[in-house]
Amino acid sequence: TVATPLAVALELLHTNASVIRHMTRWFLHYHRNELDANALLERYGEAFAGYRKGVAAFLPDEARARLDERASTLEKHEIPAPWARLLAGLPYWYRALDMVALAHAHKKPWEEVARRHFLVERRLELDWIRDRIETLPVAGHWQATARIGLREELYRQQRRLADALLATEARDSDEAFERWAAQRTGRLEHFARVLLDMKASSSVDYATLSVAVQELHKIA
């Protein structure tokens, strides 16, 4: 089916609302006792603006291709090219605050954090887990709440892994990952076997994906 302008607008509104809800929960989780908007904007605002405009350059090839395709579709609906590209990147804003917070904590440019964050995602195939979470069937409030909780826990675990990688001294992101992984060979091999078993399964449900996220917790 061909998307109508109204359908495209509603989809963008839905995604935008979802991102806003996620970011609100993020601030309540990490900054419950310091919700000073001006201070938080000063701390994270510049890096977030940079991430929002430049994240596409750090995405894995497949994800970047999807973003490009989405931006092209939006342009066909008469959305100006700069806005189309910005809006096409909305799904990647879920992780933005984790990255800019890590950049602040490690005193590194957000670009370096993004490299290591997405490297962890690619090497551990976290995108596979996330995509399966996004396609979980939802019937009612509690299943929707469970899916949100599972997705946000995955992001927290990815943040922990990226944090550990950022603390690893190395010349570049790839060397950092290899040094970090060398200290966790057994745990990473176990996680890879778990993921392989899940991929071979005919059904991947809430329980399955909850185990995947829990296994991530054991790695860092």
N, C-alpha and C. Protein backbone atom coordinates (compact mmCIF):
# COMPACT_ATOMS: atom_id res chain seq x y z
N THR A 1 0.84 -1.19 0.00
CA THR A 1 0.00 0.00 0.00
C THR A 1 0.88 1.25 0.00
N VAL A 2 0.34 2.32 -0.60
CA VAL A 2 1.05 3.59 -0.65
C VAL A 2 0.62 4.44 0.53
N ALA A 3 1.60 4.93 1.31
CA ALA A 3 1.29 5.75 2.47
C ALA A 3 0.74 7.11 2.03
N THR A 4 -0.33 7.53 2.67
CA THR A 4 -0.89 8.84 2.39
C THR A 4 -0.19 9.88 3.25
N PRO A 5 -0.27 11.17 2.88
CA PRO A 5 0.34 12.20 3.73
C PRO A 5 -0.17 12.15 5.16
N LEU A 6 -1.47 11.87 5.33
CA LEU A 6 -2.02 11.79 6.69
C LEU A 6 -1.41 10.62 7.45
N ALA A 7 -1.28 9.47 6.79
CA ALA A 7 -0.69 8.30 7.45
C ALA A 7 0.75 8.57 7.86
N VAL A 8 1.50 9.25 6.98
CA VAL A 8 2.90 9.58 7.30
C VAL A 8 2.96 10.53 8.49
N ALA A 9 2.09 11.53 8.49
CA ALA A 9 2.06 12.49 9.59
C ALA A 9 1.72 11.81 10.92
N LEU A 10 0.74 10.91 10.88
CA LEU A 10 0.34 10.21 12.11
C LEU A 10 1.46 9.31 12.61
N GLU A 11 2.17 8.66 11.69
CA GLU A 11 3.29 7.81 12.09
C GLU A 11 4.39 8.63 12.75
N LEU A 12 4.70 9.79 12.17
CA LEU A 12 5.72 10.66 12.76
C LEU A 12 5.30 11.15 14.13
N LEU A 13 4.03 11.51 14.28
CA LEU A 13 3.53 11.97 15.58
C LEU A 13 3.62 10.84 16.61
N HIS A 14 3.29 9.63 16.19
CA HIS A 14 3.36 8.48 17.11
C HIS A 14 4.80 8.23 17.55
N THR A 15 5.73 8.24 16.59
CA THR A 15 7.14 8.00 16.92
C THR A 15 7.68 9.11 17.81
N ASN A 16 7.33 10.35 17.49
CA ASN A 16 7.80 11.49 18.28
C ASN A 16 7.28 11.39 19.71
N ALA A 17 6.00 11.04 19.87
CA ALA A 17 5.43 10.92 21.21
C ALA A 17 6.11 9.80 21.99
N SER A 18 6.43 8.69 21.30
CA SER A 18 7.10 7.57 21.94
C SER A 18 8.50 7.99 22.42
N VAL A 19 9.23 8.73 21.59
CA VAL A 19 10.56 9.20 21.96
C VAL A 19 10.48 10.14 23.16
N ILE A 20 9.51 11.04 23.16
CA ILE A 20 9.35 11.98 24.28
C ILE A 20 9.06 11.23 25.58
N ARG A 21 8.16 10.23 25.51
CA ARG A 21 7.86 9.45 26.71
C ARG A 21 9.11 8.73 27.21
N HIS A 22 9.88 8.16 26.26
CA HIS A 22 11.11 7.47 26.65
C HIS A 22 12.08 8.42 27.33
N MET A 23 12.26 9.60 26.76
CA MET A 23 13.21 10.56 27.33
C MET A 23 12.74 11.04 28.70
N THR A 24 11.44 11.21 28.86
CA THR A 24 10.91 11.60 30.16
C THR A 24 11.23 10.53 31.21
N ARG A 25 11.00 9.27 30.86
CA ARG A 25 11.33 8.19 31.80
C ARG A 25 12.82 8.14 32.06
N TRP A 26 13.63 8.43 31.02
CA TRP A 26 15.09 8.42 31.19
C TRP A 26 15.50 9.45 32.24
N PHE A 27 14.99 10.68 32.13
CA PHE A 27 15.35 11.71 33.12
C PHE A 27 14.87 11.34 34.51
N LEU A 28 13.69 10.74 34.61
CA LEU A 28 13.19 10.34 35.92
C LEU A 28 14.04 9.20 36.50
N HIS A 29 14.58 8.36 35.65
CA HIS A 29 15.40 7.24 36.13
C HIS A 29 16.78 7.70 36.57
N TYR A 30 17.42 8.56 35.78
CA TYR A 30 18.81 8.95 36.05
C TYR A 30 18.96 10.28 36.79
N HIS A 31 17.91 11.10 36.77
CA HIS A 31 18.04 12.43 37.38
C HIS A 31 16.84 12.79 38.24
N ARG A 32 16.28 11.79 38.89
CA ARG A 32 15.07 12.02 39.68
C ARG A 32 15.25 13.13 40.72
N ASN A 33 16.44 13.23 41.28
CA ASN A 33 16.67 14.20 42.35
C ASN A 33 17.34 15.49 41.87
N GLU A 34 17.46 15.65 40.57
CA GLU A 34 18.08 16.88 40.04
C GLU A 34 17.41 17.30 38.74
N LEU A 35 16.10 17.44 38.79
CA LEU A 35 15.35 17.78 37.58
C LEU A 35 15.32 19.30 37.37
N ASP A 36 16.50 19.85 37.19
CA ASP A 36 16.64 21.27 36.86
C ASP A 36 16.82 21.36 35.35
N ALA A 37 15.79 21.81 34.66
CA ALA A 37 15.80 21.79 33.19
C ALA A 37 16.96 22.59 32.61
N ASN A 38 17.22 23.76 33.18
CA ASN A 38 18.30 24.60 32.65
C ASN A 38 19.67 23.95 32.83
N ALA A 39 19.88 23.35 34.00
CA ALA A 39 21.17 22.69 34.26
C ALA A 39 21.36 21.48 33.35
N LEU A 40 20.29 20.71 33.15
CA LEU A 40 20.39 19.54 32.29
C LEU A 40 20.58 19.93 30.83
N LEU A 41 19.94 21.02 30.43
CA LEU A 41 20.11 21.50 29.06
C LEU A 41 21.55 21.97 28.84
N GLU A 42 22.11 22.63 29.82
CA GLU A 42 23.50 23.09 29.70
C GLU A 42 24.45 21.89 29.65
N ARG A 43 24.13 20.84 30.41
CA ARG A 43 24.99 19.68 30.48
C ARG A 43 24.94 18.85 29.20
N TYR A 44 23.75 18.67 28.67
CA TYR A 44 23.57 17.72 27.56
C TYR A 44 23.17 18.34 26.23
N GLY A 45 22.74 19.59 26.25
CA GLY A 45 22.12 20.19 25.06
C GLY A 45 23.00 20.20 23.82
N GLU A 46 24.23 20.64 23.95
CA GLU A 46 25.10 20.76 22.78
C GLU A 46 25.40 19.39 22.16
N ALA A 47 25.72 18.41 23.02
CA ALA A 47 26.02 17.08 22.51
C ALA A 47 24.78 16.43 21.89
N PHE A 48 23.62 16.66 22.50
CA PHE A 48 22.40 16.08 21.94
C PHE A 48 22.11 16.67 20.56
N ALA A 49 22.29 17.98 20.41
CA ALA A 49 22.07 18.62 19.11
C ALA A 49 23.01 18.04 18.06
N GLY A 50 24.27 17.80 18.45
CA GLY A 50 25.23 17.22 17.52
C GLY A 50 24.84 15.80 17.14
N TYR A 51 24.43 15.01 18.14
CA TYR A 51 24.00 13.64 17.87
C TYR A 51 22.80 13.62 16.93
N ARG A 52 21.85 14.45 17.21
CA ARG A 52 20.61 14.48 16.43
C ARG A 52 20.89 14.74 14.95
N LYS A 53 21.85 15.61 14.68
CA LYS A 53 22.16 15.96 13.30
C LYS A 53 23.15 14.98 12.65
N GLY A 54 24.00 14.35 13.45
CA GLY A 54 25.09 13.58 12.86
C GLY A 54 25.08 12.09 13.10
N VAL A 55 24.02 11.56 13.75
CA VAL A 55 24.02 10.15 14.13
C VAL A 55 24.12 9.22 12.92
N ALA A 56 23.58 9.62 11.78
CA ALA A 56 23.55 8.73 10.62
C ALA A 56 24.94 8.24 10.23
N ALA A 57 25.95 9.08 10.44
CA ALA A 57 27.32 8.72 10.05
C ALA A 57 27.88 7.57 10.88
N PHE A 58 27.27 7.27 12.03
CA PHE A 58 27.80 6.25 12.93
C PHE A 58 26.97 4.98 12.95
N LEU A 59 25.89 4.97 12.20
CA LEU A 59 25.02 3.80 12.18
C LEU A 59 25.66 2.66 11.38
N PRO A 60 25.34 1.42 11.73
CA PRO A 60 25.75 0.30 10.88
C PRO A 60 25.16 0.47 9.48
N ASP A 61 25.78 -0.15 8.49
CA ASP A 61 25.38 0.06 7.10
C ASP A 61 23.90 -0.19 6.86
N GLU A 62 23.38 -1.29 7.39
CA GLU A 62 21.97 -1.63 7.16
C GLU A 62 21.04 -0.59 7.77
N ALA A 63 21.38 -0.14 8.97
CA ALA A 63 20.54 0.87 9.63
C ALA A 63 20.61 2.20 8.87
N ARG A 64 21.80 2.55 8.37
CA ARG A 64 21.94 3.79 7.61
C ARG A 64 21.13 3.72 6.31
N ALA A 65 21.12 2.55 5.69
CA ALA A 65 20.34 2.39 4.46
C ALA A 65 18.85 2.57 4.74
N ARG A 66 18.39 2.03 5.88
CA ARG A 66 16.98 2.20 6.25
C ARG A 66 16.65 3.66 6.49
N LEU A 67 17.58 4.36 7.15
CA LEU A 67 17.36 5.78 7.42
C LEU A 67 17.29 6.56 6.11
N ASP A 68 18.21 6.27 5.19
CA ASP A 68 18.22 6.95 3.89
C ASP A 68 16.91 6.70 3.13
N GLU A 69 16.45 5.45 3.18
CA GLU A 69 15.21 5.10 2.49
C GLU A 69 14.03 5.84 3.10
N ARG A 70 14.03 5.90 4.44
CA ARG A 70 12.93 6.61 5.13
C ARG A 70 12.96 8.09 4.80
N ALA A 71 14.14 8.70 4.78
CA ALA A 71 14.26 10.12 4.45
C ALA A 71 13.76 10.39 3.04
N SER A 72 14.09 9.49 2.11
CA SER A 72 13.64 9.63 0.73
C SER A 72 12.12 9.57 0.64
N THR A 73 11.52 8.67 1.41
CA THR A 73 10.06 8.56 1.43
C THR A 73 9.43 9.84 1.95
N LEU A 74 9.99 10.39 2.99
CA LEU A 74 9.45 11.62 3.57
C LEU A 74 9.57 12.78 2.59
N GLU A 75 10.68 12.83 1.85
CA GLU A 75 10.84 13.89 0.85
C GLU A 75 9.77 13.80 -0.23
N LYS A 76 9.39 12.58 -0.57
CA LYS A 76 8.34 12.41 -1.57
C LYS A 76 7.00 12.94 -1.10
N HIS A 77 6.87 13.10 0.22
CA HIS A 77 5.65 13.68 0.78
C HIS A 77 5.84 15.17 1.08
N GLU A 78 6.78 15.76 0.35
CA GLU A 78 7.00 17.21 0.35
C GLU A 78 7.53 17.74 1.68
N ILE A 79 8.25 16.89 2.40
CA ILE A 79 8.96 17.35 3.59
C ILE A 79 10.35 17.76 3.14
N PRO A 80 10.79 18.99 3.42
CA PRO A 80 12.11 19.46 2.98
C PRO A 80 13.21 18.49 3.41
N ALA A 81 14.22 18.35 2.55
CA ALA A 81 15.27 17.35 2.75
C ALA A 81 15.91 17.37 4.14
N PRO A 82 16.31 18.56 4.67
CA PRO A 82 16.93 18.55 6.00
C PRO A 82 15.99 18.02 7.09
N TRP A 83 14.71 18.40 7.00
CA TRP A 83 13.74 17.92 7.98
C TRP A 83 13.45 16.44 7.77
N ALA A 84 13.41 16.01 6.52
CA ALA A 84 13.15 14.60 6.23
C ALA A 84 14.23 13.72 6.86
N ARG A 85 15.47 14.16 6.73
CA ARG A 85 16.58 13.36 7.29
C ARG A 85 16.53 13.37 8.81
N LEU A 86 16.21 14.53 9.38
CA LEU A 86 16.12 14.63 10.84
C LEU A 86 15.01 13.73 11.37
N LEU A 87 13.84 13.78 10.73
CA LEU A 87 12.70 12.99 11.18
C LEU A 87 12.92 11.49 10.95
N ALA A 88 13.62 11.16 9.87
CA ALA A 88 13.91 9.75 9.60
C ALA A 88 14.79 9.15 10.70
N GLY A 89 15.55 10.00 11.38
CA GLY A 89 16.43 9.53 12.44
C GLY A 89 15.77 9.43 13.80
N LEU A 90 14.48 9.75 13.89
CA LEU A 90 13.78 9.71 15.19
C LEU A 90 13.96 8.40 15.95
N PRO A 91 13.85 7.23 15.29
CA PRO A 91 14.00 5.99 16.06
C PRO A 91 15.35 5.84 16.76
N TYR A 92 16.35 6.58 16.31
CA TYR A 92 17.68 6.48 16.92
C TYR A 92 17.87 7.48 18.06
N TRP A 93 16.84 8.30 18.30
CA TRP A 93 16.93 9.24 19.41
C TRP A 93 16.72 8.56 20.75
N TYR A 94 16.16 7.35 20.74
CA TYR A 94 15.95 6.65 22.02
C TYR A 94 17.26 6.52 22.78
N ARG A 95 18.36 6.31 22.06
CA ARG A 95 19.65 6.08 22.72
C ARG A 95 20.47 7.36 22.88
N ALA A 96 19.95 8.47 22.39
CA ALA A 96 20.73 9.71 22.38
C ALA A 96 21.16 10.14 23.77
N LEU A 97 20.24 10.12 24.72
CA LEU A 97 20.57 10.62 26.06
C LEU A 97 21.61 9.73 26.74
N ASP A 98 21.54 8.42 26.50
CA ASP A 98 22.58 7.54 27.05
C ASP A 98 23.95 7.95 26.52
N MET A 99 24.02 8.23 25.24
CA MET A 99 25.31 8.56 24.63
C MET A 99 25.84 9.92 25.11
N VAL A 100 24.97 10.91 25.19
CA VAL A 100 25.47 12.22 25.60
C VAL A 100 25.81 12.21 27.09
N ALA A 101 25.12 11.38 27.87
CA ALA A 101 25.47 11.25 29.29
C ALA A 101 26.83 10.58 29.45
N LEU A 102 27.09 9.55 28.65
CA LEU A 102 28.40 8.90 28.69
C LEU A 102 29.50 9.84 28.22
N ALA A 103 29.20 10.64 27.21
CA ALA A 103 30.17 11.62 26.74
C ALA A 103 30.53 12.60 27.85
N HIS A 104 29.52 13.03 28.59
CA HIS A 104 29.76 13.95 29.71
C HIS A 104 30.57 13.26 30.81
N ALA A 105 30.20 12.03 31.14
CA ALA A 105 30.86 11.32 32.23
C ALA A 105 32.33 11.01 31.91
N HIS A 106 32.60 10.65 30.67
CA HIS A 106 33.97 10.27 30.27
C HIS A 106 34.76 11.43 29.68
N LYS A 107 34.09 12.58 29.58
CA LYS A 107 34.73 13.77 29.00
C LYS A 107 35.29 13.48 27.61
N LYS A 108 34.46 12.83 26.81
CA LYS A 108 34.82 12.50 25.43
C LYS A 108 33.79 13.10 24.49
N PRO A 109 34.17 13.35 23.23
CA PRO A 109 33.19 13.84 22.25
C PRO A 109 32.09 12.80 22.05
N TRP A 110 30.87 13.26 21.79
CA TRP A 110 29.76 12.32 21.60
C TRP A 110 30.04 11.38 20.42
N GLU A 111 30.83 11.86 19.45
CA GLU A 111 31.15 11.03 18.29
C GLU A 111 31.91 9.76 18.70
N GLU A 112 32.86 9.91 19.62
CA GLU A 112 33.62 8.75 20.08
C GLU A 112 32.71 7.78 20.84
N VAL A 113 31.83 8.33 21.64
CA VAL A 113 30.87 7.49 22.36
C VAL A 113 29.98 6.74 21.38
N ALA A 114 29.51 7.44 20.35
CA ALA A 114 28.64 6.81 19.36
C ALA A 114 29.35 5.66 18.66
N ARG A 115 30.62 5.85 18.34
CA ARG A 115 31.38 4.77 17.68
C ARG A 115 31.39 3.51 18.53
N ARG A 116 31.67 3.67 19.82
CA ARG A 116 31.77 2.50 20.69
C ARG A 116 30.39 1.93 21.02
N HIS A 117 29.42 2.79 21.16
CA HIS A 117 28.05 2.36 21.45
C HIS A 117 27.50 1.49 20.32
N PHE A 118 27.64 1.96 19.09
CA PHE A 118 27.13 1.21 17.96
C PHE A 118 28.02 0.00 17.63
N LEU A 119 29.29 0.07 18.00
CA LEU A 119 30.16 -1.09 17.82
C LEU A 119 29.70 -2.23 18.72
N VAL A 120 29.37 -1.92 19.96
CA VAL A 120 28.81 -2.93 20.87
C VAL A 120 27.54 -3.52 20.28
N GLU A 121 26.68 -2.66 19.77
CA GLU A 121 25.42 -3.12 19.18
C GLU A 121 25.67 -4.08 18.02
N ARG A 122 26.60 -3.70 17.16
CA ARG A 122 26.87 -4.52 15.97
C ARG A 122 27.53 -5.85 16.33
N ARG A 123 28.55 -5.80 17.21
CA ARG A 123 29.30 -7.01 17.51
C ARG A 123 28.48 -8.01 18.35
N LEU A 124 27.57 -7.51 19.18
CA LEU A 124 26.76 -8.40 20.01
C LEU A 124 25.37 -8.63 19.43
N GLU A 125 25.12 -8.05 18.27
CA GLU A 125 23.84 -8.21 17.57
C GLU A 125 22.66 -7.75 18.43
N LEU A 126 22.84 -6.66 19.12
CA LEU A 126 21.77 -6.13 19.96
C LEU A 126 20.62 -5.60 19.11
N ASP A 127 20.91 -5.24 17.86
CA ASP A 127 19.84 -4.78 16.98
C ASP A 127 18.84 -5.91 16.72
N TRP A 128 19.31 -7.15 16.69
CA TRP A 128 18.40 -8.28 16.51
C TRP A 128 17.43 -8.38 17.69
N ILE A 129 17.96 -8.23 18.89
CA ILE A 129 17.11 -8.29 20.08
C ILE A 129 16.12 -7.13 20.06
N ARG A 130 16.60 -5.94 19.76
CA ARG A 130 15.73 -4.76 19.76
C ARG A 130 14.61 -4.89 18.72
N ASP A 131 14.97 -5.36 17.54
CA ASP A 131 13.96 -5.50 16.49
C ASP A 131 12.89 -6.51 16.90
N ARG A 132 13.29 -7.59 17.58
CA ARG A 132 12.29 -8.57 18.03
C ARG A 132 11.42 -7.99 19.13
N ILE A 133 11.99 -7.18 19.99
CA ILE A 133 11.19 -6.52 21.02
C ILE A 133 10.13 -5.62 20.38
N GLU A 134 10.55 -4.87 19.36
CA GLU A 134 9.63 -3.93 18.71
C GLU A 134 8.47 -4.65 18.02
N THR A 135 8.68 -5.89 17.61
CA THR A 135 7.62 -6.61 16.90
C THR A 135 6.81 -7.53 17.81
N LEU A 136 7.06 -7.50 19.12
CA LEU A 136 6.26 -8.31 20.04
C LEU A 136 4.80 -7.89 19.95
N PRO A 137 3.89 -8.84 19.92
CA PRO A 137 2.46 -8.48 19.89
C PRO A 137 2.04 -7.83 21.20
N VAL A 138 1.18 -6.85 21.09
CA VAL A 138 0.70 -6.13 22.27
C VAL A 138 -0.82 -6.21 22.30
N ALA A 139 -1.35 -6.78 23.38
CA ALA A 139 -2.80 -6.85 23.56
C ALA A 139 -3.12 -6.29 24.94
N GLY A 140 -3.36 -4.99 24.99
CA GLY A 140 -3.70 -4.38 26.26
C GLY A 140 -2.57 -3.63 26.92
N HIS A 141 -2.93 -2.95 28.00
CA HIS A 141 -2.02 -2.05 28.70
C HIS A 141 -0.80 -2.77 29.26
N TRP A 142 -0.99 -3.93 29.88
CA TRP A 142 0.12 -4.56 30.59
C TRP A 142 1.16 -5.12 29.64
N GLN A 143 0.73 -5.65 28.52
CA GLN A 143 1.71 -6.12 27.55
C GLN A 143 2.48 -4.94 26.94
N ALA A 144 1.78 -3.83 26.73
CA ALA A 144 2.47 -2.64 26.22
C ALA A 144 3.50 -2.16 27.22
N THR A 145 3.13 -2.16 28.51
CA THR A 145 4.05 -1.75 29.56
C THR A 145 5.24 -2.70 29.64
N ALA A 146 4.98 -4.00 29.48
CA ALA A 146 6.06 -4.99 29.54
C ALA A 146 7.03 -4.78 28.38
N ARG A 147 6.52 -4.49 27.20
CA ARG A 147 7.40 -4.29 26.05
C ARG A 147 8.25 -3.04 26.23
N ILE A 148 7.65 -1.97 26.73
CA ILE A 148 8.41 -0.74 26.99
C ILE A 148 9.51 -1.01 28.00
N GLY A 149 9.17 -1.73 29.08
CA GLY A 149 10.17 -2.03 30.10
C GLY A 149 11.31 -2.87 29.57
N LEU A 150 10.99 -3.83 28.71
CA LEU A 150 12.02 -4.69 28.13
C LEU A 150 12.93 -3.90 27.20
N ARG A 151 12.35 -3.03 26.39
CA ARG A 151 13.14 -2.20 25.48
C ARG A 151 14.06 -1.27 26.27
N GLU A 152 13.54 -0.65 27.31
CA GLU A 152 14.36 0.30 28.06
C GLU A 152 15.44 -0.40 28.86
N GLU A 153 15.17 -1.62 29.31
CA GLU A 153 16.23 -2.38 29.99
C GLU A 153 17.33 -2.76 29.02
N LEU A 154 16.97 -3.07 27.78
CA LEU A 154 17.98 -3.34 26.76
C LEU A 154 18.87 -2.12 26.56
N TYR A 155 18.27 -0.94 26.49
CA TYR A 155 19.07 0.28 26.33
C TYR A 155 19.99 0.50 27.52
N ARG A 156 19.51 0.19 28.72
CA ARG A 156 20.35 0.36 29.91
C ARG A 156 21.55 -0.59 29.87
N GLN A 157 21.31 -1.82 29.43
CA GLN A 157 22.40 -2.77 29.33
C GLN A 157 23.41 -2.36 28.26
N GLN A 158 22.90 -1.83 27.14
CA GLN A 158 23.81 -1.36 26.10
C GLN A 158 24.64 -0.19 26.62
N ARG A 159 24.02 0.66 27.41
CA ARG A 159 24.76 1.78 28.01
C ARG A 159 25.87 1.25 28.93
N ARG A 160 25.58 0.24 29.73
CA ARG A 160 26.58 -0.33 30.63
C ARG A 160 27.75 -0.90 29.84
N LEU A 161 27.44 -1.59 28.75
CA LEU A 161 28.49 -2.19 27.93
C LEU A 161 29.34 -1.11 27.26
N ALA A 162 28.68 -0.07 26.74
CA ALA A 162 29.42 1.02 26.11
C ALA A 162 30.28 1.75 27.14
N ASP A 163 29.76 1.89 28.35
CA ASP A 163 30.50 2.53 29.44
C ASP A 163 31.79 1.75 29.72
N ALA A 164 31.67 0.42 29.78
CA ALA A 164 32.86 -0.41 30.02
C ALA A 164 33.85 -0.28 28.87
N LEU A 165 33.34 -0.19 27.67
CA LEU A 165 34.22 -0.06 26.50
C LEU A 165 34.94 1.29 26.51
N LEU A 166 34.24 2.33 26.94
CA LEU A 166 34.85 3.66 27.00
C LEU A 166 35.94 3.73 28.08
N ALA A 167 35.82 2.89 29.08
CA ALA A 167 36.83 2.87 30.14
C ALA A 167 38.05 2.04 29.77
N THR A 168 38.00 1.38 28.60
CA THR A 168 39.11 0.55 28.14
C THR A 168 40.07 1.38 27.30
N GLU A 169 41.30 1.47 27.73
CA GLU A 169 42.30 2.25 27.01
C GLU A 169 42.68 1.55 25.70
N ALA A 170 42.62 2.30 24.61
CA ALA A 170 42.96 1.74 23.31
C ALA A 170 43.15 2.86 22.31
N ARG A 171 43.76 2.52 21.16
CA ARG A 171 43.99 3.52 20.13
C ARG A 171 42.71 3.89 19.39
N ASP A 172 41.81 2.91 19.27
CA ASP A 172 40.56 3.18 18.56
C ASP A 172 39.48 2.25 19.10
N SER A 173 38.27 2.38 18.54
CA SER A 173 37.12 1.63 19.04
C SER A 173 37.30 0.12 18.87
N ASP A 174 37.80 -0.30 17.71
CA ASP A 174 37.97 -1.73 17.47
C ASP A 174 38.95 -2.36 18.45
N GLU A 175 40.06 -1.67 18.70
CA GLU A 175 41.04 -2.21 19.65
C GLU A 175 40.45 -2.24 21.05
N ALA A 176 39.67 -1.22 21.39
CA ALA A 176 39.02 -1.19 22.70
C ALA A 176 38.10 -2.39 22.87
N PHE A 177 37.34 -2.69 21.83
CA PHE A 177 36.42 -3.83 21.91
C PHE A 177 37.20 -5.13 22.08
N GLU A 178 38.26 -5.31 21.31
CA GLU A 178 39.03 -6.56 21.38
C GLU A 178 39.65 -6.73 22.77
N ARG A 179 40.17 -5.65 23.34
CA ARG A 179 40.76 -5.75 24.68
C ARG A 179 39.69 -6.05 25.72
N TRP A 180 38.56 -5.37 25.60
CA TRP A 180 37.44 -5.59 26.52
C TRP A 180 36.91 -7.02 26.39
N ALA A 181 36.75 -7.49 25.15
CA ALA A 181 36.21 -8.83 24.90
C ALA A 181 37.16 -9.92 25.38
N ALA A 182 38.46 -9.67 25.28
CA ALA A 182 39.45 -10.67 25.68
C ALA A 182 39.34 -11.02 27.17
N GLN A 183 38.82 -10.09 27.96
CA GLN A 183 38.65 -10.32 29.40
C GLN A 183 37.32 -10.99 29.72
N ARG A 184 36.49 -11.21 28.70
CA ARG A 184 35.14 -11.75 28.91
C ARG A 184 34.83 -12.85 27.89
N THR A 185 35.83 -13.55 27.46
CA THR A 185 35.66 -14.53 26.37
C THR A 185 34.56 -15.54 26.68
N GLY A 186 34.60 -16.14 27.86
CA GLY A 186 33.62 -17.15 28.22
C GLY A 186 32.20 -16.62 28.24
N ARG A 187 32.03 -15.44 28.84
CA ARG A 187 30.69 -14.85 28.93
C ARG A 187 30.16 -14.48 27.55
N LEU A 188 31.04 -13.96 26.69
CA LEU A 188 30.61 -13.57 25.35
C LEU A 188 30.28 -14.79 24.50
N GLU A 189 31.06 -15.86 24.66
CA GLU A 189 30.76 -17.09 23.91
C GLU A 189 29.42 -17.68 24.36
N HIS A 190 29.16 -17.62 25.65
CA HIS A 190 27.88 -18.12 26.17
C HIS A 190 26.73 -17.29 25.61
N PHE A 191 26.90 -15.98 25.61
CA PHE A 191 25.84 -15.10 25.08
C PHE A 191 25.60 -15.39 23.61
N ALA A 192 26.66 -15.60 22.85
CA ALA A 192 26.52 -15.89 21.42
C ALA A 192 25.74 -17.19 21.20
N ARG A 193 26.00 -18.20 22.06
CA ARG A 193 25.26 -19.47 21.94
C ARG A 193 23.79 -19.28 22.27
N VAL A 194 23.52 -18.49 23.30
CA VAL A 194 22.12 -18.21 23.68
C VAL A 194 21.39 -17.53 22.53
N LEU A 195 22.05 -16.54 21.93
CA LEU A 195 21.43 -15.81 20.83
C LEU A 195 21.20 -16.72 19.62
N LEU A 196 22.16 -17.59 19.36
CA LEU A 196 22.03 -18.53 18.24
C LEU A 196 20.84 -19.46 18.45
N ASP A 197 20.68 -19.94 19.67
CA ASP A 197 19.53 -20.79 19.99
C ASP A 197 18.22 -20.05 19.78
N MET A 198 18.18 -18.79 20.19
CA MET A 198 16.97 -18.00 20.03
C MET A 198 16.63 -17.77 18.56
N LYS A 199 17.65 -17.53 17.76
CA LYS A 199 17.42 -17.32 16.33
C LYS A 199 16.88 -18.58 15.66
N ALA A 200 17.27 -19.74 16.19
CA ALA A 200 16.81 -21.00 15.62
C ALA A 200 15.41 -21.39 16.08
N SER A 201 14.93 -20.67 17.10
CA SER A 201 13.62 -20.99 17.65
C SER A 201 12.51 -20.55 16.71
N SER A 202 11.43 -21.30 16.70
CA SER A 202 10.30 -20.95 15.84
C SER A 202 9.46 -19.83 16.44
N SER A 203 9.66 -19.56 17.72
CA SER A 203 8.87 -18.52 18.39
C SER A 203 9.75 -17.75 19.37
N VAL A 204 9.78 -16.46 19.22
CA VAL A 204 10.53 -15.59 20.13
C VAL A 204 9.52 -14.68 20.83
N ASP A 205 9.34 -14.91 22.13
CA ASP A 205 8.30 -14.18 22.87
C ASP A 205 8.91 -13.33 23.98
N TYR A 206 8.05 -12.81 24.85
CA TYR A 206 8.52 -11.95 25.95
C TYR A 206 9.53 -12.67 26.82
N ALA A 207 9.22 -13.93 27.17
CA ALA A 207 10.11 -14.68 28.06
C ALA A 207 11.48 -14.88 27.42
N THR A 208 11.49 -15.22 26.15
CA THR A 208 12.75 -15.44 25.42
C THR A 208 13.61 -14.19 25.43
N LEU A 209 13.00 -13.06 25.09
CA LEU A 209 13.76 -11.82 24.99
C LEU A 209 14.17 -11.30 26.36
N SER A 210 13.38 -11.62 27.38
CA SER A 210 13.77 -11.24 28.74
C SER A 210 15.05 -11.96 29.13
N VAL A 211 15.17 -13.22 28.74
CA VAL A 211 16.39 -13.98 29.02
C VAL A 211 17.57 -13.35 28.29
N ALA A 212 17.37 -12.94 27.02
CA ALA A 212 18.46 -12.32 26.25
C ALA A 212 18.97 -11.08 26.96
N VAL A 213 18.06 -10.24 27.44
CA VAL A 213 18.46 -9.01 28.12
C VAL A 213 19.16 -9.33 29.44
N GLN A 214 18.66 -10.34 30.17
CA GLN A 214 19.29 -10.74 31.42
C GLN A 214 20.72 -11.26 31.19
N GLU A 215 20.91 -11.97 30.09
CA GLU A 215 22.25 -12.48 29.78
C GLU A 215 23.23 -11.33 29.52
N LEU A 216 22.74 -10.26 28.94
CA LEU A 216 23.60 -9.08 28.72
C LEU A 216 24.12 -8.54 30.04
N HIS A 217 23.27 -8.60 31.06
CA HIS A 217 23.65 -8.08 32.37
C HIS A 217 24.86 -8.81 32.94
N LYS A 218 25.04 -10.07 32.53
CA LYS A 218 26.14 -10.88 33.06
C LYS A 218 27.47 -10.58 32.38
N ILE A 219 27.44 -9.87 31.25
CA ILE A 219 28.66 -9.68 30.47
C ILE A 219 29.55 -8.58 31.04
N ALA A 220 28.99 -7.40 31.21
CA ALA A 220 29.80 -6.26 31.63
C ALA A 220 30.35 -6.45 33.02
